[in-house]
Protein backbone atom coordinates (compact mmCIF):
# COMPACT_ATOMS: atom_id res chain seq x y z
CA UNK A 1 99.89 92.38 83.80
CA UNK A 2 96.21 91.54 83.47
CA UNK A 3 94.46 91.86 86.84
CA UNK A 4 92.36 88.77 87.59
CA UNK A 5 89.23 90.21 89.15
CA UNK A 6 87.68 86.81 89.76
CA UNK A 7 90.69 85.69 91.80
CA UNK A 8 90.63 88.80 93.99
CA UNK A 9 86.87 88.43 94.47
CA UNK A 10 87.37 84.83 95.61
CA UNK A 11 89.82 86.03 98.24
CA UNK A 12 87.17 88.44 99.55
CA UNK A 13 84.60 85.65 99.71
CA UNK A 14 87.03 83.51 101.71
CA UNK A 15 87.49 86.46 104.05
CA UNK A 16 83.72 86.79 104.40
CA UNK A 17 83.35 83.06 105.08
CA UNK A 18 79.96 82.20 106.54
CA UNK A 19 79.64 85.49 108.36
CA UNK A 20 76.72 86.64 106.21
CA UNK A 21 74.89 83.34 105.90
CA UNK A 22 71.14 83.89 106.32
CA UNK A 23 71.23 87.65 105.71
CA UNK A 24 68.51 89.01 103.43
CA UNK A 25 69.06 91.31 100.46
CA UNK A 26 66.64 92.86 97.97
CA UNK A 27 67.56 94.06 94.48
CA UNK A 28 64.96 96.42 93.08
CA UNK A 29 64.80 97.80 89.55
CA UNK A 30 62.47 100.46 88.15
CA UNK A 31 63.73 100.20 84.57
CA UNK A 32 63.40 96.88 82.81
CA UNK A 33 66.42 96.23 80.62
CA UNK A 34 68.52 93.23 79.69
CA UNK A 35 71.63 94.91 81.10
CA UNK A 36 70.03 95.59 84.49
CA UNK A 37 68.70 92.05 84.66
CA UNK A 38 72.15 90.62 83.90
CA UNK A 39 73.76 92.66 86.69
CA UNK A 40 71.07 91.68 89.20
CA UNK A 41 71.29 88.00 88.26
CA UNK A 42 75.07 88.08 88.68
CA UNK A 43 74.69 89.52 92.16
CA UNK A 44 71.96 87.02 93.02
CA UNK A 45 74.22 84.20 91.88
CA UNK A 46 76.84 85.32 94.39
CA UNK A 47 74.28 85.49 97.21
CA UNK A 48 73.41 81.85 96.63
CA UNK A 49 77.07 80.91 97.11
CA UNK A 50 77.30 82.92 100.33
CA UNK A 51 74.05 81.64 101.78
CA UNK A 52 72.46 85.09 101.54
CA UNK A 53 68.72 85.14 100.88
CA UNK A 54 68.09 87.41 97.88
CA UNK A 55 65.04 88.67 96.06
CA UNK A 56 64.85 90.51 92.73
CA UNK A 57 61.96 92.94 92.32
CA UNK A 58 61.23 94.63 89.01
CA UNK A 59 58.71 97.40 89.60
CA UNK A 60 56.74 99.41 87.05
CA UNK A 61 55.81 102.88 88.30
CA UNK A 62 55.45 106.24 86.59
CA UNK A 63 56.72 108.79 89.07
CA UNK A 64 59.49 109.45 91.57
CA UNK A 65 56.91 109.56 94.36
CA UNK A 66 55.58 106.10 93.52
CA UNK A 67 59.11 104.70 93.42
CA UNK A 68 59.86 106.21 96.84
CA UNK A 69 56.75 104.59 98.33
CA UNK A 70 58.00 101.21 97.14
CA UNK A 71 61.43 101.85 98.69
CA UNK A 72 59.80 102.84 102.00
CA UNK A 73 57.77 99.62 101.96
CA UNK A 74 60.77 97.44 101.14
CA UNK A 75 62.74 99.09 103.95
CA UNK A 76 60.13 97.78 106.41
CA UNK A 77 60.29 94.19 105.18
CA UNK A 78 63.23 93.07 107.31
CA UNK A 79 66.09 93.13 104.80
CA UNK A 80 69.72 93.55 105.86
CA UNK A 81 70.58 95.37 102.65
CA UNK A 82 68.77 96.84 99.65
CA UNK A 83 70.25 97.66 96.24
CA UNK A 84 68.44 100.08 93.93
CA UNK A 85 69.57 99.03 90.47
CA UNK A 86 70.72 101.84 88.20
CA UNK A 87 69.94 103.36 85.79
CA UNK A 88 66.51 104.65 86.72
CA UNK A 89 64.01 106.06 84.21
CA UNK A 90 65.29 109.39 82.95
CA UNK A 91 62.27 111.34 84.18
CA UNK A 92 62.80 110.12 87.76
CA UNK A 93 64.76 112.10 90.34
CA UNK A 94 67.40 109.43 90.90
CA UNK A 95 69.04 111.00 93.95
CA UNK A 96 65.68 111.53 95.66
CA UNK A 97 64.88 107.84 95.22
CA UNK A 98 68.33 106.75 96.44
CA UNK A 99 67.97 109.01 99.46
CA UNK A 100 64.66 107.32 100.36
CA UNK A 101 66.59 104.20 101.40
CA UNK A 102 67.65 104.22 105.08
CA UNK A 103 71.42 104.46 105.52
CA UNK A 104 71.64 101.15 107.40
CA UNK A 105 70.25 99.31 104.35
CA UNK A 106 72.24 101.26 101.74
CA UNK A 107 75.03 98.76 101.00
CA UNK A 108 75.65 100.40 97.60
CA UNK A 109 76.28 103.68 99.47
CA UNK A 110 74.54 105.85 96.91
CA UNK A 111 72.29 107.80 99.26
CA UNK A 112 73.44 111.21 100.50
CA UNK A 113 73.70 110.08 104.14
CA UNK A 114 75.81 107.03 103.32
CA UNK A 115 78.13 109.07 101.09
CA UNK A 116 78.59 111.73 103.75
CA UNK A 117 79.33 109.11 106.41
CA UNK A 118 82.04 107.70 104.14
CA UNK A 119 83.41 111.16 103.40
CA UNK A 120 83.76 111.87 107.13
CA UNK A 121 85.15 108.44 107.99
CA UNK A 122 82.14 107.60 110.18
CA UNK A 123 81.49 104.17 108.66
CA UNK A 124 83.48 101.02 107.93
CA UNK A 125 81.55 100.55 104.71
CA UNK A 126 83.19 101.54 101.44
CA UNK A 127 81.39 102.36 98.15
CA UNK A 128 81.73 99.12 96.15
CA UNK A 129 83.68 100.44 93.15
CA UNK A 130 86.02 102.44 95.42
CA UNK A 131 86.46 99.31 97.52
CA UNK A 132 87.27 97.29 94.40
CA UNK A 133 89.87 99.83 93.27
CA UNK A 134 91.47 99.74 96.72
CA UNK A 135 91.56 95.93 96.61
CA UNK A 136 93.46 96.04 93.33
CA UNK A 137 95.97 98.55 94.69
CA UNK A 138 96.49 96.51 97.86
CA UNK A 139 96.59 93.11 96.16
CA UNK A 140 99.26 94.20 93.69
CA UNK A 141 101.11 96.51 96.12
CA UNK A 142 100.65 99.52 93.84
CA UNK A 143 102.25 102.61 95.36
CA UNK A 144 100.03 105.69 94.95
CA UNK A 145 102.37 108.26 96.44
CA UNK A 146 103.77 110.92 94.11
CA UNK A 147 101.86 109.46 91.16
CA UNK A 148 99.81 111.35 88.61
CA UNK A 149 96.27 109.99 88.85
CA UNK A 150 93.43 110.69 86.43
CA UNK A 151 89.79 109.72 86.90
CA UNK A 152 87.65 109.67 83.78
CA UNK A 153 83.96 110.13 84.52
CA UNK A 154 82.06 112.00 87.22
CA UNK A 155 79.14 109.62 87.75
CA UNK A 156 77.70 108.44 91.05
CA UNK A 157 78.79 104.82 90.52
CA UNK A 158 82.47 105.30 89.66
CA UNK A 159 83.84 108.82 89.43
CA UNK A 160 82.29 110.27 92.56
CA UNK A 161 83.12 107.41 94.99
CA UNK A 162 86.65 106.97 93.63
CA UNK A 163 87.30 110.70 94.04
CA UNK A 164 86.07 110.47 97.64
CA UNK A 165 88.36 107.51 98.24
CA UNK A 166 91.42 109.31 96.91
CA UNK A 167 90.58 112.42 98.93
CA UNK A 168 90.34 110.32 102.09
CA UNK A 169 93.81 108.96 101.28
CA UNK A 170 95.11 112.52 100.87
CA UNK A 171 95.93 112.01 97.20
CA UNK A 172 95.65 114.52 94.36
CA UNK A 173 94.00 113.66 91.06
CA UNK A 174 92.66 115.16 87.87
CA UNK A 175 89.09 114.47 86.76
CA UNK A 176 87.67 114.64 83.25
CA UNK A 177 84.53 113.37 81.56
CA UNK A 178 83.13 112.91 78.09
CA UNK A 179 82.37 116.64 77.89
CA UNK A 180 86.03 117.60 78.38
CA UNK A 181 87.70 118.57 75.08
CA UNK A 182 89.54 115.52 73.82
CA UNK A 183 92.79 117.41 73.32
CA UNK A 184 92.88 118.17 77.05
CA UNK A 185 92.29 114.52 77.93
CA UNK A 186 94.95 113.36 75.48
CA UNK A 187 97.52 115.80 76.83
CA UNK A 188 96.88 114.70 80.40
CA UNK A 189 96.76 110.94 79.83
CA UNK A 190 100.09 110.88 78.01
CA UNK A 191 101.91 111.52 81.29
CA UNK A 192 99.55 109.76 83.71
CA UNK A 193 100.67 106.93 86.00
CA UNK A 194 97.25 105.68 87.08
CA UNK A 195 94.01 105.94 85.08
CA UNK A 196 90.65 104.95 86.56
CA UNK A 197 87.92 105.14 83.95
CA UNK A 198 84.15 105.01 84.40
CA UNK A 199 82.80 106.95 81.44
CA UNK A 200 80.88 104.15 79.77
CA UNK A 201 82.33 104.94 76.34
CA UNK A 202 83.34 101.80 74.40
CA UNK A 203 87.14 101.48 74.05
CA UNK A 204 87.64 105.23 74.45
CA UNK A 205 91.19 104.81 75.76
CA UNK A 206 93.57 103.64 73.04
CA UNK A 207 97.10 102.32 73.40
CA UNK A 208 98.66 105.45 71.91
CA UNK A 209 96.95 107.59 74.57
CA UNK A 210 98.73 106.03 77.56
CA UNK A 211 102.34 105.79 78.65
CA UNK A 212 104.26 102.59 79.27
CA UNK A 213 104.10 100.96 82.72
CA UNK A 214 100.89 102.77 83.62
CA UNK A 215 98.13 101.31 85.79
CA UNK A 216 94.82 101.18 83.93
CA UNK A 217 91.61 100.38 85.80
CA UNK A 218 88.52 100.02 83.65
CA UNK A 219 85.29 100.53 85.61
CA UNK A 220 83.21 101.60 82.64
CA UNK A 221 80.69 99.31 80.96
CA UNK A 222 78.62 99.83 77.86
CA UNK A 223 77.14 97.77 75.06
CA UNK A 224 79.05 97.48 71.81
CA UNK A 225 78.25 95.07 68.99
CA UNK A 226 75.93 93.17 71.30
CA UNK A 227 78.52 92.70 74.04
CA UNK A 228 79.40 94.43 77.31
CA UNK A 229 82.74 96.19 76.89
CA UNK A 230 84.82 98.67 78.85
CA UNK A 231 86.34 102.10 78.28
CA UNK A 232 89.82 100.70 77.67
CA UNK A 233 90.88 99.11 74.41
CA UNK A 234 92.33 95.64 75.19
CA UNK A 235 95.43 96.52 73.13
CA UNK A 236 96.46 98.80 76.01
CA UNK A 237 97.48 95.63 77.87
CA UNK A 238 100.68 95.57 75.80
CA UNK A 239 101.88 98.80 77.47
CA UNK A 240 100.34 98.75 80.94
CA UNK A 241 102.07 97.51 84.07
CA UNK A 242 98.64 96.51 85.43
CA UNK A 243 95.30 96.57 83.65
CA UNK A 244 91.72 95.49 84.31
CA UNK A 245 89.50 94.76 81.36
CA UNK A 246 85.77 94.20 80.92
CA UNK A 247 84.53 91.57 81.61
CA UNK A 248 86.37 89.79 84.42
CA UNK A 249 88.21 92.78 85.82
CA UNK A 250 86.79 95.18 88.39
CA UNK A 251 83.21 93.86 88.11
CA UNK A 252 83.58 90.69 90.21
CA UNK A 253 85.55 92.60 92.87
CA UNK A 254 82.86 95.29 93.02
CA UNK A 255 80.17 92.67 93.70
CA UNK A 256 82.30 91.14 96.46
CA UNK A 257 82.87 94.58 97.98
CA UNK A 258 79.12 95.22 97.87
CA UNK A 259 78.32 92.15 99.96
CA UNK A 260 81.14 92.89 102.37
CA UNK A 261 79.13 96.00 103.26
CA UNK A 262 76.54 93.74 104.89
CA UNK A 263 78.82 93.53 107.91
């Protein structure tokens, strides 16, 4: 079954209602790219629907210190939430910049304080991708108990928050990334019930790599032949019990989960 991410996102927006009308959000990018602009514009489009006031800022600075100064300034401008668009320039210290954002404004939950609050169960906020994965499980009544779960990718946007989410639920999982020998990944995936992938490797997961009736959640995006594609080959849909594909899968739910963190 193909998971309809847009439908689940709409349910979240109905749940939100007009609760966030008039709230102010800033999206700030330090690396100009077409991909980053697309993601920010998509988020801004949602804010217009919800009555949230949103501003996109594309900043050009050369150092981590300069980027932090901009974040400090934005934090004092009266926003209810701030999103630092990733990726950042490679020579920047990404975590240091993310940590410069006060926890109360960190609706993406990428700063160390926000992540630790989530780890300890001290906040109602949920990292957006982890929240989106949970929405899919809940919406389709997917039982996670006694299931073999594999997470592909260890990044701060997908792998790390999803691992935290599963740990909070008391669930075991295996975690691999692109540096793991492929024979190890292949051996593990062949018997896996639930795969959550965020590697950013175009169509890495092929139909012959997964078992029938598995749950496949694609949270990886990358550019291939001029298009945004996911980690999972669409042909896997013929075997999976549930599958999200890129686009239209987990992406819209992740954006909805992001804005729910404004509460």
